[in-house]
Amino acid sequence: MLNEEVSKEVLGQAARTVENEVVKPITHFVTEHFVKPTAEMLVDDLKKVATAPGKAIKNKLHPEHGEMKVKDLIRKDQGAQAIDIDGAGLGDFKKIANKYGVDFAIVKSTELDPPKYSVFFKARDADAINAVVNEYTAKQMKIQKEGRPSILAKLSKFKDIVAALPKKVAEKRKEQER
């Protein structure tokens, strides 16, 4: 009996020691660094929650300028125009339209064997649309006149230039030291 009481007392002291030296510091660290939010964190979270629905609704009803869905483009303002573009000139049109702040939507026609793309676009100013169409057609005419440069031809040209460069002869000397 005496041994049981002594062992219970020793175990109780060990449990209290473990609790005081291990468990309490760990729980304090976790509550301070992970659970207990600061006032700044709460304010930031409230701002995010308060502005998120407004931004989502604004972007859905009035998306920013640039590429968008046809449905959004038609819903946005009046007077959409359309042109047909082949796949090679699509990237050029995107760059030019973004440059002038024109809203546009691209639709791929699947009936044709080489696919054609219909681009619907609109802007607040007719001048912006005219500028986009004029710059795009001028660029396409230039490409048709000169042709697109072949990347393989450019690569072979640069290979020849590099091969023609004089190579520096590395002189190696080893001296024996004693």
C-alpha atoms as a PDB file:
ATOM      1  CA  MET A   1       0.000   0.000   0.000  1.00  0.00           C
ATOM      2  CA  LEU A   2       2.736   2.323   0.810  1.00  0.00           C
ATOM      3  CA  ASN A   3       4.375   1.619  -2.524  1.00  0.00           C
ATOM      4  CA  GLU A   4       1.123   2.377  -4.342  1.00  0.00           C
ATOM      5  CA  GLU A   5       0.714   5.717  -2.592  1.00  0.00           C
ATOM      6  CA  VAL A   6       4.339   6.654  -3.304  1.00  0.00           C
ATOM      7  CA  SER A   7       4.020   5.672  -6.954  1.00  0.00           C
ATOM      8  CA  LYS A   8       0.763   7.654  -7.316  1.00  0.00           C
ATOM      9  CA  GLU A   9       2.430  10.693  -5.771  1.00  0.00           C
ATOM     10  CA  VAL A  10       5.495  10.379  -8.028  1.00  0.00           C
ATOM     11  CA  LEU A  11       3.322   9.944 -11.125  1.00  0.00           C
ATOM     12  CA  GLY A  12       1.228  12.960 -10.137  1.00  0.00           C
ATOM     13  CA  GLN A  13       4.337  15.106  -9.749  1.00  0.00           C
ATOM     14  CA  ALA A  14       5.676  13.880 -13.111  1.00  0.00           C
ATOM     15  CA  ALA A  15       2.362  14.666 -14.808  1.00  0.00           C
ATOM     16  CA  ARG A  16       2.324  18.171 -13.313  1.00  0.00           C
ATOM     17  CA  THR A  17       5.931  18.720 -14.397  1.00  0.00           C
ATOM     18  CA  VAL A  18       5.182  17.597 -17.946  1.00  0.00           C
ATOM     19  CA  GLU A  19       2.099  19.806 -18.010  1.00  0.00           C
ATOM     20  CA  ASN A  20       3.974  22.859 -16.724  1.00  0.00           C
ATOM     21  CA  GLU A  21       7.138  22.424 -18.790  1.00  0.00           C
ATOM     22  CA  VAL A  22       5.825  20.959 -22.041  1.00  0.00           C
ATOM     23  CA  VAL A  23       2.085  21.294 -22.560  1.00  0.00           C
ATOM     24  CA  LYS A  24       1.568  24.869 -21.377  1.00  0.00           C
ATOM     25  CA  PRO A  25       4.396  26.393 -23.482  1.00  0.00           C
ATOM     26  CA  ILE A  26       3.188  24.533 -26.563  1.00  0.00           C
ATOM     27  CA  THR A  27      -0.427  25.635 -26.116  1.00  0.00           C
ATOM     28  CA  HIS A  28       0.724  29.198 -25.419  1.00  0.00           C
ATOM     29  CA  PHE A  29       2.842  29.225 -28.592  1.00  0.00           C
ATOM     30  CA  VAL A  30      -0.006  27.842 -30.714  1.00  0.00           C
ATOM     31  CA  THR A  31      -2.576  30.307 -29.368  1.00  0.00           C
ATOM     32  CA  GLU A  32      -0.234  33.271 -29.735  1.00  0.00           C
ATOM     33  CA  HIS A  33       0.966  32.534 -33.260  1.00  0.00           C
ATOM     34  CA  PHE A  34      -1.772  30.558 -34.953  1.00  0.00           C
ATOM     35  CA  VAL A  35      -5.097  31.016 -33.212  1.00  0.00           C
ATOM     36  CA  LYS A  36      -5.111  34.536 -31.786  1.00  0.00           C
ATOM     37  CA  PRO A  37      -5.674  36.957 -34.702  1.00  0.00           C
ATOM     38  CA  THR A  38      -4.411  40.499 -34.523  1.00  0.00           C
ATOM     39  CA  ALA A  39      -6.557  43.548 -35.119  1.00  0.00           C
ATOM     40  CA  GLU A  40      -4.863  44.194 -38.490  1.00  0.00           C
ATOM     41  CA  MET A  41      -5.641  40.656 -39.644  1.00  0.00           C
ATOM     42  CA  LEU A  42      -9.294  41.081 -38.707  1.00  0.00           C
ATOM     43  CA  VAL A  43      -9.559  44.416 -40.521  1.00  0.00           C
ATOM     44  CA  ASP A  44      -7.910  42.985 -43.673  1.00  0.00           C
ATOM     45  CA  ASP A  45     -10.211  39.958 -43.643  1.00  0.00           C
ATOM     46  CA  LEU A  46     -13.293  42.157 -43.222  1.00  0.00           C
ATOM     47  CA  LYS A  47     -12.192  44.368 -46.131  1.00  0.00           C
ATOM     48  CA  LYS A  48     -11.713  41.324 -48.361  1.00  0.00           C
ATOM     49  CA  VAL A  49     -15.109  39.908 -47.436  1.00  0.00           C
ATOM     50  CA  ALA A  50     -16.844  43.245 -47.925  1.00  0.00           C
ATOM     51  CA  THR A  51     -15.328  44.050 -51.330  1.00  0.00           C
ATOM     52  CA  ALA A  52     -15.318  40.561 -52.893  1.00  0.00           C
ATOM     53  CA  PRO A  53     -19.006  40.428 -53.936  1.00  0.00           C
ATOM     54  CA  GLY A  54     -18.885  43.957 -55.338  1.00  0.00           C
ATOM     55  CA  LYS A  55     -15.837  43.192 -57.476  1.00  0.00           C
ATOM     56  CA  ALA A  56     -17.359  39.952 -58.743  1.00  0.00           C
ATOM     57  CA  ILE A  57     -20.616  41.654 -59.703  1.00  0.00           C
ATOM     58  CA  LYS A  58     -18.806  44.586 -61.305  1.00  0.00           C
ATOM     59  CA  ASN A  59     -16.563  42.319 -63.381  1.00  0.00           C
ATOM     60  CA  LYS A  60     -19.471  40.157 -64.432  1.00  0.00           C
ATOM     61  CA  LEU A  61     -21.684  43.058 -65.523  1.00  0.00           C
ATOM     62  CA  HIS A  62     -18.955  45.349 -66.838  1.00  0.00           C
ATOM     63  CA  PRO A  63     -15.741  43.459 -67.518  1.00  0.00           C
ATOM     64  CA  GLU A  64     -12.579  45.377 -68.140  1.00  0.00           C
ATOM     65  CA  HIS A  65     -11.420  46.241 -71.615  1.00  0.00           C
ATOM     66  CA  GLY A  66      -9.890  43.683 -73.920  1.00  0.00           C
ATOM     67  CA  GLU A  67     -10.863  40.152 -74.797  1.00  0.00           C
ATOM     68  CA  MET A  68     -14.155  38.832 -73.421  1.00  0.00           C
ATOM     69  CA  LYS A  69     -17.045  36.528 -74.267  1.00  0.00           C
ATOM     70  CA  VAL A  70     -19.427  37.476 -77.071  1.00  0.00           C
ATOM     71  CA  LYS A  71     -22.331  37.486 -74.631  1.00  0.00           C
ATOM     72  CA  ASP A  72     -20.527  39.981 -72.376  1.00  0.00           C
ATOM     73  CA  LEU A  73     -19.502  42.124 -75.334  1.00  0.00           C
ATOM     74  CA  ILE A  74     -23.056  42.370 -76.670  1.00  0.00           C
ATOM     75  CA  ARG A  75     -24.427  43.090 -73.193  1.00  0.00           C
ATOM     76  CA  LYS A  76     -21.879  45.815 -72.505  1.00  0.00           C
ATOM     77  CA  ASP A  77     -22.780  48.558 -75.008  1.00  0.00           C
ATOM     78  CA  GLN A  78     -24.447  49.103 -78.359  1.00  0.00           C
ATOM     79  CA  GLY A  79     -23.014  48.629 -81.828  1.00  0.00           C
ATOM     80  CA  ALA A  80     -20.713  45.649 -82.155  1.00  0.00           C
ATOM     81  CA  GLN A  81     -18.942  45.178 -85.478  1.00  0.00           C
ATOM     82  CA  ALA A  82     -17.427  41.982 -86.875  1.00  0.00           C
ATOM     83  CA  ILE A  83     -14.633  41.008 -89.241  1.00  0.00           C
ATOM     84  CA  ASP A  84     -13.275  37.627 -90.353  1.00  0.00           C
ATOM     85  CA  ILE A  85      -9.637  36.830 -89.622  1.00  0.00           C
ATOM     86  CA  ASP A  86      -7.494  33.818 -90.399  1.00  0.00           C
ATOM     87  CA  GLY A  87      -5.607  32.115 -87.569  1.00  0.00           C
ATOM     88  CA  ALA A  88      -2.239  33.633 -88.462  1.00  0.00           C
ATOM     89  CA  GLY A  89      -3.414  37.228 -87.962  1.00  0.00           C
ATOM     90  CA  LEU A  90      -5.241  36.617 -84.711  1.00  0.00           C
ATOM     91  CA  GLY A  91      -2.312  37.466 -82.451  1.00  0.00           C
ATOM     92  CA  ASP A  92      -1.659  40.682 -84.365  1.00  0.00           C
ATOM     93  CA  PHE A  93      -5.289  41.729 -83.974  1.00  0.00           C
ATOM     94  CA  LYS A  94      -5.223  41.060 -80.215  1.00  0.00           C
ATOM     95  CA  LYS A  95      -2.115  43.222 -79.764  1.00  0.00           C
ATOM     96  CA  ILE A  96      -3.527  46.078 -81.802  1.00  0.00           C
ATOM     97  CA  ALA A  97      -6.966  45.953 -80.141  1.00  0.00           C
ATOM     98  CA  ASN A  98      -5.432  45.965 -76.664  1.00  0.00           C
ATOM     99  CA  LYS A  99      -3.213  48.869 -77.689  1.00  0.00           C
ATOM    100  CA  TYR A 100      -6.246  51.007 -78.526  1.00  0.00           C
ATOM    101  CA  GLY A 101      -8.435  49.784 -75.639  1.00  0.00           C
ATOM    102  CA  VAL A 102     -11.013  48.120 -77.871  1.00  0.00           C
ATOM    103  CA  ASP A 103     -13.253  45.402 -76.457  1.00  0.00           C
ATOM    104  CA  PHE A 104     -13.409  42.286 -78.599  1.00  0.00           C
ATOM    105  CA  ALA A 105     -14.619  38.695 -78.655  1.00  0.00           C
ATOM    106  CA  ILE A 106     -13.303  35.894 -80.854  1.00  0.00           C
ATOM    107  CA  VAL A 107     -15.503  33.137 -82.281  1.00  0.00           C
ATOM    108  CA  LYS A 108     -14.043  30.196 -84.203  1.00  0.00           C
ATOM    109  CA  SER A 109     -16.058  28.865 -87.131  1.00  0.00           C
ATOM    110  CA  THR A 110     -15.737  25.089 -87.265  1.00  0.00           C
ATOM    111  CA  GLU A 111     -17.447  24.545 -90.635  1.00  0.00           C
ATOM    112  CA  LEU A 112     -14.447  25.572 -92.711  1.00  0.00           C
ATOM    113  CA  ASP A 113     -11.455  23.276 -93.135  1.00  0.00           C
ATOM    114  CA  PRO A 114      -8.855  25.935 -92.421  1.00  0.00           C
ATOM    115  CA  PRO A 115     -10.786  27.540 -89.565  1.00  0.00           C
ATOM    116  CA  LYS A 116     -11.745  31.186 -89.802  1.00  0.00           C
ATOM    117  CA  TYR A 117     -12.229  33.393 -86.806  1.00  0.00           C
ATOM    118  CA  SER A 118     -14.927  36.037 -86.492  1.00  0.00           C
ATOM    119  CA  VAL A 119     -13.887  38.904 -84.294  1.00  0.00           C
ATOM    120  CA  PHE A 120     -16.612  41.056 -82.793  1.00  0.00           C
ATOM    121  CA  PHE A 121     -15.371  44.348 -81.448  1.00  0.00           C
ATOM    122  CA  LYS A 122     -16.615  47.655 -80.163  1.00  0.00           C
ATOM    123  CA  ALA A 123     -15.249  50.811 -78.647  1.00  0.00           C
ATOM    124  CA  ARG A 124     -16.700  54.030 -77.334  1.00  0.00           C
ATOM    125  CA  ASP A 125     -15.018  56.049 -80.068  1.00  0.00           C
ATOM    126  CA  ALA A 126     -15.378  55.302 -83.750  1.00  0.00           C
ATOM    127  CA  ASP A 127     -11.843  56.654 -84.159  1.00  0.00           C
ATOM    128  CA  ALA A 128     -10.439  53.807 -82.054  1.00  0.00           C
ATOM    129  CA  ILE A 129     -12.200  51.216 -84.208  1.00  0.00           C
ATOM    130  CA  ASN A 130     -10.979  52.903 -87.388  1.00  0.00           C
ATOM    131  CA  ALA A 131      -7.427  53.015 -86.034  1.00  0.00           C
ATOM    132  CA  VAL A 132      -7.514  49.304 -85.141  1.00  0.00           C
ATOM    133  CA  VAL A 133      -8.909  48.283 -88.533  1.00  0.00           C
ATOM    134  CA  ASN A 134      -6.458  50.499 -90.443  1.00  0.00           C
ATOM    135  CA  GLU A 135      -3.404  49.333 -88.490  1.00  0.00           C
ATOM    136  CA  TYR A 136      -4.431  45.676 -88.730  1.00  0.00           C
ATOM    137  CA  THR A 137      -5.041  45.826 -92.489  1.00  0.00           C
ATOM    138  CA  ALA A 138      -1.753  47.692 -93.043  1.00  0.00           C
ATOM    139  CA  LYS A 139       0.110  45.040 -91.069  1.00  0.00           C
ATOM    140  CA  GLN A 140      -1.596  42.209 -92.991  1.00  0.00           C
ATOM    141  CA  MET A 141      -0.814  43.876 -96.332  1.00  0.00           C
ATOM    142  CA  LYS A 142       2.820  44.243 -95.317  1.00  0.00           C
ATOM    143  CA  ILE A 143       2.964  40.565 -94.342  1.00  0.00           C
ATOM    144  CA  GLN A 144       1.386  39.529 -97.652  1.00  0.00           C
ATOM    145  CA  LYS A 145       3.767  41.730 -99.601  1.00  0.00           C
ATOM    146  CA  GLU A 146       6.952  40.665 -97.818  1.00  0.00           C
ATOM    147  CA  GLY A 147       5.881  37.313 -96.434  1.00  0.00           C
ATOM    148  CA  ARG A 148       6.519  36.111 -92.938  1.00  0.00           C
ATOM    149  CA  PRO A 149      10.197  35.451 -92.272  1.00  0.00           C
ATOM    150  CA  SER A 150      11.048  31.811 -91.739  1.00  0.00           C
ATOM    151  CA  ILE A 151      12.499  31.091 -88.339  1.00  0.00           C
ATOM    152  CA  LEU A 152      14.543  28.199 -89.732  1.00  0.00           C
ATOM    153  CA  ALA A 153      16.046  30.505 -92.364  1.00  0.00           C
ATOM    154  CA  LYS A 154      16.966  33.022 -89.664  1.00  0.00           C
ATOM    155  CA  LEU A 155      18.463  30.257 -87.556  1.00  0.00           C
ATOM    156  CA  SER A 156      20.605  28.939 -90.406  1.00  0.00           C
ATOM    157  CA  LYS A 157      21.755  32.493 -91.172  1.00  0.00           C
ATOM    158  CA  PHE A 158      22.869  33.001 -87.572  1.00  0.00           C
ATOM    159  CA  LYS A 159      24.579  29.581 -87.559  1.00  0.00           C
ATOM    160  CA  ASP A 160      26.616  30.655 -90.585  1.00  0.00           C
ATOM    161  CA  ILE A 161      27.561  33.933 -88.901  1.00  0.00           C
ATOM    162  CA  VAL A 162      28.706  32.127 -85.752  1.00  0.00           C
ATOM    163  CA  ALA A 163      30.652  29.565 -87.785  1.00  0.00           C
ATOM    164  CA  ALA A 164      32.430  32.387 -89.663  1.00  0.00           C
ATOM    165  CA  LEU A 165      33.672  34.019 -86.473  1.00  0.00           C
ATOM    166  CA  PRO A 166      37.359  33.342 -85.812  1.00  0.00           C
ATOM    167  CA  LYS A 167      37.869  30.993 -82.948  1.00  0.00           C
ATOM    168  CA  LYS A 168      40.312  31.837 -80.246  1.00  0.00           C
ATOM    169  CA  VAL A 169      42.933  29.179 -79.833  1.00  0.00           C
ATOM    170  CA  ALA A 170      43.402  28.295 -76.241  1.00  0.00           C
ATOM    171  CA  GLU A 171      47.015  27.742 -75.374  1.00  0.00           C
ATOM    172  CA  LYS A 172      47.579  25.265 -72.629  1.00  0.00           C
ATOM    173  CA  ARG A 173      50.857  25.104 -70.783  1.00  0.00           C
ATOM    174  CA  LYS A 174      51.670  22.963 -67.872  1.00  0.00           C
ATOM    175  CA  GLU A 175      54.758  23.562 -65.882  1.00  0.00           C
ATOM    176  CA  GLN A 176      56.087  21.077 -63.507  1.00  0.00           C
ATOM    177  CA  GLU A 177      56.871  22.366 -60.103  1.00  0.00           C
ATOM    178  CA  ARG A 178      59.217  20.645 -57.716  1.00  0.00           C
END
